């Protein structure tokens, strides 16, 4: 049986990864998994810092990995709205698809900081519950760790500007 394709995203905070993930899932009849939704549901009001995010995100990953591999093995496409913004994060995605030999697509949304910050401001207004974390300070803190993907990493990359 053919495996489903895993689609995942790299892009700075506010670049539009979640919006693009939703579009691709709808248009491709794929299962969409959103890290924000999982974290909000399982750990309500417990994430207020980057340290909190890393702690709770890492708790999710073993089970999410198994779930995604199971779905892909049925031939169903999966779109993961989880960040692939660092080498470590991308290695985790690589383990998901390579262990079951499924195809993948890493979508890199490459936008300047100014655009990301404008989009974060709009999101904060539309989703007031994100006001505590959707800040300039958080953007700057998270962006320090951002590493753009390169062809040397061996991913199938689609770049969006």
N, C-alpha and C. Protein backbone atom coordinates (compact mmCIF):
# COMPACT_ATOMS: atom_id res chain seq x y z
N UNK A 1 0.85 -1.19 0.00
CA UNK A 1 0.00 0.00 0.00
C UNK A 1 0.88 1.24 0.00
N UNK A 2 0.47 2.24 -0.77
CA UNK A 2 1.19 3.51 -0.79
C UNK A 2 0.99 4.25 0.51
N UNK A 3 2.03 4.93 0.94
CA UNK A 3 1.97 5.73 2.16
C UNK A 3 1.43 7.12 1.81
N UNK A 4 0.80 7.74 2.79
CA UNK A 4 0.38 9.12 2.63
C UNK A 4 1.60 10.04 2.70
N UNK A 5 1.42 11.27 2.26
CA UNK A 5 2.51 12.26 2.28
C UNK A 5 2.39 13.11 3.54
N UNK A 6 3.53 13.33 4.20
CA UNK A 6 3.59 14.20 5.37
C UNK A 6 4.02 15.59 4.92
N UNK A 7 3.19 16.58 5.20
CA UNK A 7 3.51 17.98 4.91
C UNK A 7 3.70 18.69 6.23
N UNK A 8 4.81 19.44 6.33
CA UNK A 8 5.10 20.19 7.55
C UNK A 8 5.77 21.51 7.18
N UNK A 9 5.96 22.39 8.16
CA UNK A 9 6.24 23.79 7.87
C UNK A 9 7.42 24.37 8.65
N UNK A 10 8.12 25.25 7.97
CA UNK A 10 9.17 26.05 8.57
C UNK A 10 8.85 27.50 8.25
N UNK A 11 8.98 28.36 9.22
CA UNK A 11 8.73 29.78 9.02
C UNK A 11 8.73 30.47 10.36
N UNK A 12 9.13 31.71 10.36
CA UNK A 12 9.17 32.45 11.61
C UNK A 12 7.77 32.60 12.20
N UNK A 13 7.73 32.87 13.49
CA UNK A 13 6.48 33.15 14.18
C UNK A 13 5.73 34.24 13.40
N UNK A 14 4.47 33.99 13.11
CA UNK A 14 3.67 34.98 12.40
C UNK A 14 3.78 34.92 10.89
N UNK A 15 4.50 33.94 10.35
CA UNK A 15 4.69 33.88 8.90
C UNK A 15 3.47 33.34 8.17
N UNK A 16 2.57 32.69 8.88
CA UNK A 16 1.37 32.15 8.24
C UNK A 16 1.37 30.64 8.10
N UNK A 17 2.15 29.97 8.91
CA UNK A 17 2.23 28.50 8.84
C UNK A 17 0.87 27.85 9.09
N UNK A 18 0.16 28.30 10.12
CA UNK A 18 -1.14 27.70 10.45
C UNK A 18 -2.16 27.94 9.35
N UNK A 19 -2.17 29.14 8.80
CA UNK A 19 -3.10 29.46 7.71
C UNK A 19 -2.82 28.56 6.51
N UNK A 20 -1.55 28.44 6.15
CA UNK A 20 -1.16 27.61 5.00
C UNK A 20 -1.47 26.14 5.27
N UNK A 21 -1.23 25.68 6.50
CA UNK A 21 -1.53 24.29 6.84
C UNK A 21 -3.01 23.99 6.65
N UNK A 22 -3.86 24.88 7.10
CA UNK A 22 -5.31 24.70 6.92
C UNK A 22 -5.70 24.64 5.46
N UNK A 23 -5.13 25.53 4.66
CA UNK A 23 -5.44 25.55 3.22
C UNK A 23 -5.03 24.23 2.56
N UNK A 24 -3.83 23.79 2.86
CA UNK A 24 -3.32 22.57 2.23
C UNK A 24 -4.13 21.36 2.67
N UNK A 25 -4.49 21.28 3.93
CA UNK A 25 -5.29 20.15 4.42
C UNK A 25 -6.66 20.12 3.75
N UNK A 26 -7.30 21.29 3.66
CA UNK A 26 -8.63 21.35 3.03
C UNK A 26 -8.54 20.97 1.55
N UNK A 27 -7.58 21.55 0.85
CA UNK A 27 -7.47 21.32 -0.60
C UNK A 27 -6.96 19.92 -0.93
N UNK A 28 -6.24 19.30 -0.01
CA UNK A 28 -5.66 17.99 -0.29
C UNK A 28 -6.34 16.85 0.43
N UNK A 29 -7.50 17.12 1.03
CA UNK A 29 -8.22 16.09 1.78
C UNK A 29 -7.29 15.34 2.74
N UNK A 30 -6.53 16.09 3.49
CA UNK A 30 -5.56 15.52 4.42
C UNK A 30 -6.01 15.72 5.86
N UNK A 31 -5.48 14.90 6.74
CA UNK A 31 -5.70 15.06 8.17
C UNK A 31 -4.79 16.20 8.64
N UNK A 32 -5.37 17.17 9.33
CA UNK A 32 -4.61 18.30 9.87
C UNK A 32 -4.43 18.10 11.37
N UNK A 33 -3.18 18.17 11.82
CA UNK A 33 -2.86 18.12 13.24
C UNK A 33 -2.19 19.43 13.62
N UNK A 34 -2.76 20.12 14.59
CA UNK A 34 -2.26 21.42 15.03
C UNK A 34 -1.66 21.33 16.42
N UNK A 35 -0.39 21.67 16.53
CA UNK A 35 0.26 21.64 17.84
C UNK A 35 -0.43 22.60 18.81
N UNK A 36 -0.78 23.79 18.35
CA UNK A 36 -1.44 24.76 19.23
C UNK A 36 -2.74 24.17 19.81
N UNK A 37 -3.51 23.48 18.98
CA UNK A 37 -4.76 22.91 19.46
C UNK A 37 -4.50 21.81 20.50
N UNK A 38 -3.53 20.95 20.23
CA UNK A 38 -3.20 19.89 21.18
C UNK A 38 -2.71 20.48 22.50
N UNK A 39 -1.81 21.46 22.43
CA UNK A 39 -1.27 22.05 23.65
C UNK A 39 -2.35 22.77 24.45
N UNK A 40 -3.21 23.51 23.77
CA UNK A 40 -4.28 24.25 24.45
C UNK A 40 -5.25 23.29 25.13
N UNK A 41 -5.54 22.19 24.45
CA UNK A 41 -6.48 21.22 24.98
C UNK A 41 -5.90 20.42 26.17
N UNK A 42 -4.66 19.98 26.02
CA UNK A 42 -4.07 19.13 27.05
C UNK A 42 -3.45 19.90 28.22
N UNK A 43 -2.98 21.12 27.93
CA UNK A 43 -2.28 21.91 28.95
C UNK A 43 -2.84 23.34 29.01
N UNK A 44 -4.14 23.48 29.30
CA UNK A 44 -4.74 24.82 29.29
C UNK A 44 -4.09 25.76 30.31
N UNK A 45 -3.82 26.96 29.86
CA UNK A 45 -3.27 28.03 30.70
C UNK A 45 -1.94 27.67 31.36
N UNK A 46 -1.20 26.75 30.79
CA UNK A 46 0.07 26.34 31.39
C UNK A 46 1.28 26.80 30.58
N UNK A 47 1.04 27.43 29.44
CA UNK A 47 2.16 27.84 28.60
C UNK A 47 2.20 29.36 28.53
N UNK A 48 3.20 29.93 29.20
CA UNK A 48 3.34 31.39 29.18
C UNK A 48 4.77 31.82 28.84
N UNK A 49 5.63 30.84 28.55
CA UNK A 49 7.01 31.17 28.22
C UNK A 49 7.53 30.16 27.20
N UNK A 50 8.65 30.47 26.61
CA UNK A 50 9.27 29.56 25.66
C UNK A 50 9.67 28.26 26.36
N UNK A 51 10.12 28.34 27.59
CA UNK A 51 10.48 27.15 28.36
C UNK A 51 9.26 26.25 28.56
N UNK A 52 8.12 26.85 28.89
CA UNK A 52 6.88 26.08 29.04
C UNK A 52 6.52 25.39 27.73
N UNK A 53 6.61 26.14 26.64
CA UNK A 53 6.27 25.58 25.33
C UNK A 53 7.13 24.35 25.03
N UNK A 54 8.43 24.47 25.20
CA UNK A 54 9.34 23.36 24.90
C UNK A 54 8.99 22.15 25.77
N UNK A 55 8.75 22.39 27.05
CA UNK A 55 8.43 21.30 27.98
C UNK A 55 7.19 20.53 27.53
N UNK A 56 6.10 21.26 27.27
CA UNK A 56 4.85 20.60 26.92
C UNK A 56 4.85 20.06 25.50
N UNK A 57 5.50 20.74 24.60
CA UNK A 57 5.61 20.25 23.23
C UNK A 57 6.35 18.91 23.20
N UNK A 58 7.41 18.81 23.96
CA UNK A 58 8.17 17.55 24.00
C UNK A 58 7.36 16.41 24.61
N UNK A 59 6.42 16.72 25.47
CA UNK A 59 5.56 15.68 26.03
C UNK A 59 4.63 15.08 24.97
N UNK A 60 4.22 15.90 24.03
CA UNK A 60 3.31 15.45 22.97
C UNK A 60 3.99 14.56 21.94
N UNK A 61 5.23 14.84 21.65
CA UNK A 61 5.87 14.30 20.45
C UNK A 61 5.89 12.78 20.32
N UNK A 62 6.15 12.01 21.36
CA UNK A 62 6.17 10.54 21.15
C UNK A 62 4.82 9.99 20.65
N UNK A 63 3.73 10.45 21.24
CA UNK A 63 2.42 9.95 20.82
C UNK A 63 2.00 10.50 19.47
N UNK A 64 2.31 11.76 19.23
CA UNK A 64 1.98 12.36 17.92
C UNK A 64 2.73 11.62 16.82
N UNK A 65 3.98 11.31 17.06
CA UNK A 65 4.80 10.59 16.08
C UNK A 65 4.14 9.26 15.70
N UNK A 66 3.72 8.49 16.71
CA UNK A 66 3.06 7.21 16.46
C UNK A 66 1.75 7.40 15.70
N UNK A 67 0.97 8.40 16.10
CA UNK A 67 -0.30 8.68 15.45
C UNK A 67 -0.09 9.03 13.98
N UNK A 68 0.84 9.90 13.70
CA UNK A 68 1.09 10.33 12.32
C UNK A 68 1.57 9.15 11.48
N UNK A 69 2.47 8.36 12.02
CA UNK A 69 2.96 7.20 11.28
C UNK A 69 1.82 6.23 10.98
N UNK A 70 0.92 6.05 11.92
CA UNK A 70 -0.22 5.17 11.72
C UNK A 70 -1.12 5.70 10.60
N UNK A 71 -1.40 6.98 10.62
CA UNK A 71 -2.26 7.59 9.59
C UNK A 71 -1.58 7.50 8.22
N UNK A 72 -0.31 7.86 8.15
CA UNK A 72 0.41 7.80 6.88
C UNK A 72 0.44 6.39 6.32
N UNK A 73 0.55 5.40 7.18
CA UNK A 73 0.62 4.00 6.75
C UNK A 73 -0.67 3.53 6.09
N UNK A 74 -1.78 4.22 6.35
CA UNK A 74 -3.05 3.87 5.71
C UNK A 74 -3.17 4.48 4.31
N UNK A 75 -2.19 5.31 3.94
CA UNK A 75 -2.26 5.99 2.65
C UNK A 75 -2.88 7.37 2.72
N UNK A 76 -3.17 7.82 3.92
CA UNK A 76 -3.79 9.13 4.12
C UNK A 76 -2.72 10.20 4.31
N UNK A 77 -2.89 11.33 3.63
CA UNK A 77 -1.96 12.45 3.79
C UNK A 77 -2.17 13.13 5.13
N UNK A 78 -1.08 13.63 5.70
CA UNK A 78 -1.13 14.34 6.98
C UNK A 78 -0.44 15.68 6.83
N UNK A 79 -1.09 16.72 7.30
CA UNK A 79 -0.52 18.06 7.36
C UNK A 79 -0.31 18.38 8.83
N UNK A 80 0.94 18.65 9.19
CA UNK A 80 1.26 18.94 10.59
C UNK A 80 1.58 20.41 10.77
N UNK A 81 0.73 21.07 11.53
CA UNK A 81 0.96 22.46 11.90
C UNK A 81 1.76 22.47 13.20
N UNK A 82 2.98 21.95 13.10
CA UNK A 82 3.97 21.93 14.16
C UNK A 82 5.21 22.58 13.56
N UNK A 83 5.96 23.39 14.28
CA UNK A 83 7.10 24.07 13.66
C UNK A 83 8.27 23.13 13.35
N UNK A 84 8.89 23.41 12.22
CA UNK A 84 10.13 22.74 11.82
C UNK A 84 11.20 23.82 11.66
N UNK A 85 11.35 24.64 12.69
CA UNK A 85 12.16 25.85 12.60
C UNK A 85 13.60 25.69 13.07
N UNK A 86 13.93 24.53 13.61
CA UNK A 86 15.30 24.28 14.05
C UNK A 86 15.75 22.93 13.49
N UNK A 87 17.03 22.69 13.53
CA UNK A 87 17.54 21.40 13.05
C UNK A 87 16.97 20.24 13.87
N UNK A 88 16.86 20.41 15.18
CA UNK A 88 16.32 19.36 16.04
C UNK A 88 14.86 19.08 15.70
N UNK A 89 14.08 20.13 15.51
CA UNK A 89 12.68 19.94 15.14
C UNK A 89 12.57 19.21 13.80
N UNK A 90 13.40 19.59 12.84
CA UNK A 90 13.34 18.94 11.53
C UNK A 90 13.80 17.48 11.61
N UNK A 91 14.75 17.20 12.48
CA UNK A 91 15.16 15.80 12.66
C UNK A 91 14.00 14.95 13.18
N UNK A 92 13.17 15.53 14.05
CA UNK A 92 12.00 14.82 14.55
C UNK A 92 11.05 14.48 13.40
N UNK A 93 10.80 15.46 12.53
CA UNK A 93 9.94 15.20 11.37
C UNK A 93 10.55 14.11 10.48
N UNK A 94 11.86 14.19 10.28
CA UNK A 94 12.55 13.20 9.44
C UNK A 94 12.31 11.79 10.01
N UNK A 95 12.38 11.66 11.34
CA UNK A 95 12.16 10.33 11.95
C UNK A 95 10.75 9.83 11.66
N UNK A 96 9.79 10.73 11.63
CA UNK A 96 8.40 10.32 11.40
C UNK A 96 8.25 9.68 10.02
N UNK A 97 8.68 10.40 8.97
CA UNK A 97 8.44 9.87 7.63
C UNK A 97 9.47 8.84 7.19
N UNK A 98 10.72 8.97 7.62
CA UNK A 98 11.75 8.04 7.13
C UNK A 98 11.59 6.64 7.72
N UNK A 99 11.16 6.54 8.96
CA UNK A 99 10.99 5.22 9.59
C UNK A 99 9.96 4.35 8.89
N UNK A 100 8.98 5.00 8.24
CA UNK A 100 7.97 4.22 7.53
C UNK A 100 8.06 4.43 6.02
N UNK A 101 9.11 5.13 5.59
CA UNK A 101 9.39 5.37 4.18
C UNK A 101 8.21 6.03 3.47
N UNK A 102 7.72 7.11 4.07
CA UNK A 102 6.62 7.89 3.50
C UNK A 102 7.19 9.12 2.81
N UNK A 103 6.52 9.60 1.77
CA UNK A 103 6.96 10.85 1.15
C UNK A 103 6.67 12.04 2.06
N UNK A 104 7.35 13.14 1.79
CA UNK A 104 7.17 14.34 2.62
C UNK A 104 7.31 15.59 1.78
N UNK A 105 6.88 16.71 2.36
CA UNK A 105 7.08 18.03 1.77
C UNK A 105 7.24 19.02 2.91
N UNK A 106 8.39 19.66 2.96
CA UNK A 106 8.65 20.72 3.94
C UNK A 106 8.35 22.04 3.25
N UNK A 107 7.37 22.76 3.74
CA UNK A 107 7.02 24.06 3.17
C UNK A 107 7.69 25.13 4.02
N UNK A 108 8.56 25.89 3.36
CA UNK A 108 9.31 26.96 4.03
C UNK A 108 8.68 28.29 3.64
N UNK A 109 8.04 28.94 4.60
CA UNK A 109 7.43 30.26 4.37
C UNK A 109 8.46 31.30 4.76
N UNK A 110 9.04 31.93 3.75
CA UNK A 110 10.17 32.85 3.91
C UNK A 110 9.70 34.29 3.78
N UNK A 111 9.38 34.89 4.92
CA UNK A 111 8.90 36.27 4.94
C UNK A 111 9.79 37.12 5.84
N UNK A 112 9.90 38.42 5.52
CA UNK A 112 10.71 39.30 6.38
C UNK A 112 10.05 39.51 7.75
N UNK A 113 10.89 39.85 8.72
CA UNK A 113 10.42 40.07 10.10
C UNK A 113 9.26 41.06 10.16
N UNK A 114 9.33 42.14 9.38
CA UNK A 114 8.30 43.17 9.44
C UNK A 114 6.93 42.60 9.09
N UNK A 115 6.87 41.74 8.09
CA UNK A 115 5.59 41.13 7.70
C UNK A 115 5.10 40.21 8.80
N UNK A 116 5.98 39.42 9.36
CA UNK A 116 5.60 38.50 10.45
C UNK A 116 5.06 39.29 11.64
N UNK A 117 5.73 40.37 11.99
CA UNK A 117 5.29 41.17 13.14
C UNK A 117 3.93 41.81 12.89
N UNK A 118 3.67 42.27 11.66
CA UNK A 118 2.35 42.82 11.33
C UNK A 118 1.28 41.74 11.46
N UNK A 119 1.59 40.54 10.99
CA UNK A 119 0.62 39.44 11.07
C UNK A 119 0.39 39.00 12.51
N UNK A 120 1.43 39.05 13.33
CA UNK A 120 1.27 38.73 14.76
C UNK A 120 0.35 39.75 15.42
N UNK A 121 0.52 41.01 15.08
CA UNK A 121 -0.34 42.05 15.64
C UNK A 121 -1.80 41.83 15.26
N UNK A 122 -2.03 41.49 14.00
CA UNK A 122 -3.41 41.22 13.55
C UNK A 122 -3.98 39.99 14.26
N UNK A 123 -3.17 38.97 14.43
CA UNK A 123 -3.62 37.75 15.11
C UNK A 123 -3.96 38.03 16.56
N UNK A 124 -3.15 38.86 17.21
CA UNK A 124 -3.39 39.22 18.61
C UNK A 124 -4.75 39.92 18.76
N UNK A 125 -5.09 40.75 17.78
CA UNK A 125 -6.39 41.43 17.82
C UNK A 125 -7.54 40.47 17.57
N UNK A 126 -7.33 39.55 16.63
CA UNK A 126 -8.37 38.58 16.29
C UNK A 126 -8.53 37.49 17.34
N UNK A 127 -7.44 37.20 18.05
CA UNK A 127 -7.45 36.13 19.07
C UNK A 127 -6.85 36.68 20.37
N UNK A 128 -7.62 37.46 21.11
CA UNK A 128 -7.10 38.11 22.32
C UNK A 128 -6.48 37.14 23.33
N UNK A 129 -6.89 35.88 23.30
CA UNK A 129 -6.33 34.90 24.22
C UNK A 129 -4.84 34.65 23.97
N UNK A 130 -4.35 35.10 22.81
CA UNK A 130 -2.93 34.92 22.48
C UNK A 130 -2.09 36.15 22.82
N UNK A 131 -2.71 37.15 23.41
CA UNK A 131 -2.01 38.41 23.69
C UNK A 131 -0.78 38.23 24.57
N UNK A 132 -0.82 37.27 25.48
CA UNK A 132 0.30 37.08 26.41
C UNK A 132 1.54 36.50 25.70
N UNK A 133 1.32 35.73 24.65
CA UNK A 133 2.47 35.09 23.98
C UNK A 133 2.77 35.68 22.60
N UNK A 134 1.82 36.31 21.97
CA UNK A 134 2.06 36.91 20.66
C UNK A 134 2.58 38.35 20.83
N UNK A 135 3.82 38.45 21.24
CA UNK A 135 4.43 39.75 21.53
C UNK A 135 5.73 39.91 20.76
N UNK A 136 6.20 41.14 20.68
CA UNK A 136 7.50 41.41 20.06
C UNK A 136 8.60 40.67 20.82
N UNK A 137 8.55 40.70 22.14
CA UNK A 137 9.58 40.02 22.94
C UNK A 137 9.62 38.53 22.64
N UNK A 138 8.44 37.89 22.54
CA UNK A 138 8.40 36.46 22.23
C UNK A 138 8.91 36.20 20.81
N UNK A 139 8.53 37.05 19.88
CA UNK A 139 9.01 36.91 18.50
C UNK A 139 10.53 36.95 18.46
N UNK A 140 11.11 37.93 19.13
CA UNK A 140 12.57 38.07 19.14
C UNK A 140 13.23 36.88 19.82
N UNK A 141 12.65 36.41 20.90
CA UNK A 141 13.21 35.26 21.62
C UNK A 141 13.17 34.00 20.75
N UNK A 142 12.04 33.74 20.13
CA UNK A 142 11.88 32.55 19.29
C UNK A 142 12.74 32.64 18.03
N UNK A 143 12.81 33.82 17.44
CA UNK A 143 13.55 34.00 16.19
C UNK A 143 15.05 33.77 16.36
N UNK A 144 15.56 33.94 17.58
CA UNK A 144 16.98 33.66 17.83
C UNK A 144 17.34 32.22 17.49
N UNK A 145 16.38 31.32 17.60
CA UNK A 145 16.63 29.89 17.38
C UNK A 145 16.27 29.43 15.97
N UNK A 146 15.68 30.32 15.18
CA UNK A 146 15.23 29.95 13.83
C UNK A 146 16.42 29.65 12.92
N UNK A 147 16.33 28.53 12.20
CA UNK A 147 17.34 28.15 11.22
C UNK A 147 16.60 27.79 9.94
N UNK A 148 16.84 28.55 8.89
CA UNK A 148 16.19 28.26 7.61
C UNK A 148 16.69 26.91 7.07
N UNK A 149 15.80 26.15 6.44
CA UNK A 149 16.23 24.85 5.89
C UNK A 149 17.13 25.04 4.67
N UNK A 150 18.01 24.08 4.47
CA UNK A 150 18.90 24.10 3.30
C UNK A 150 18.75 22.79 2.54
N UNK A 151 19.15 22.81 1.29
CA UNK A 151 19.06 21.60 0.47
C UNK A 151 19.97 20.49 1.01
N UNK A 152 21.04 20.87 1.72
CA UNK A 152 21.96 19.89 2.29
C UNK A 152 21.29 18.99 3.33
N UNK A 153 20.18 19.44 3.90
CA UNK A 153 19.47 18.62 4.89
C UNK A 153 18.74 17.44 4.26
N UNK A 154 18.53 17.50 2.95
CA UNK A 154 17.94 16.38 2.24
C UNK A 154 16.42 16.33 2.21
N UNK A 155 15.76 17.42 2.56
CA UNK A 155 14.30 17.47 2.52
C UNK A 155 13.80 17.87 1.14
N UNK A 156 12.59 17.48 0.83
CA UNK A 156 11.87 18.03 -0.32
C UNK A 156 11.28 19.34 0.20
N UNK A 157 11.77 20.46 -0.32
CA UNK A 157 11.39 21.78 0.20
C UNK A 157 10.63 22.57 -0.85
N UNK A 158 9.49 23.13 -0.43
CA UNK A 158 8.76 24.08 -1.24
C UNK A 158 8.88 25.42 -0.54
N UNK A 159 9.47 26.40 -1.22
CA UNK A 159 9.68 27.73 -0.61
C UNK A 159 8.55 28.67 -1.04
N UNK A 160 7.94 29.33 -0.07
CA UNK A 160 6.86 30.28 -0.31
C UNK A 160 7.35 31.64 0.16
N UNK A 161 7.23 32.65 -0.72
CA UNK A 161 7.65 34.02 -0.34
C UNK A 161 6.49 34.97 -0.43
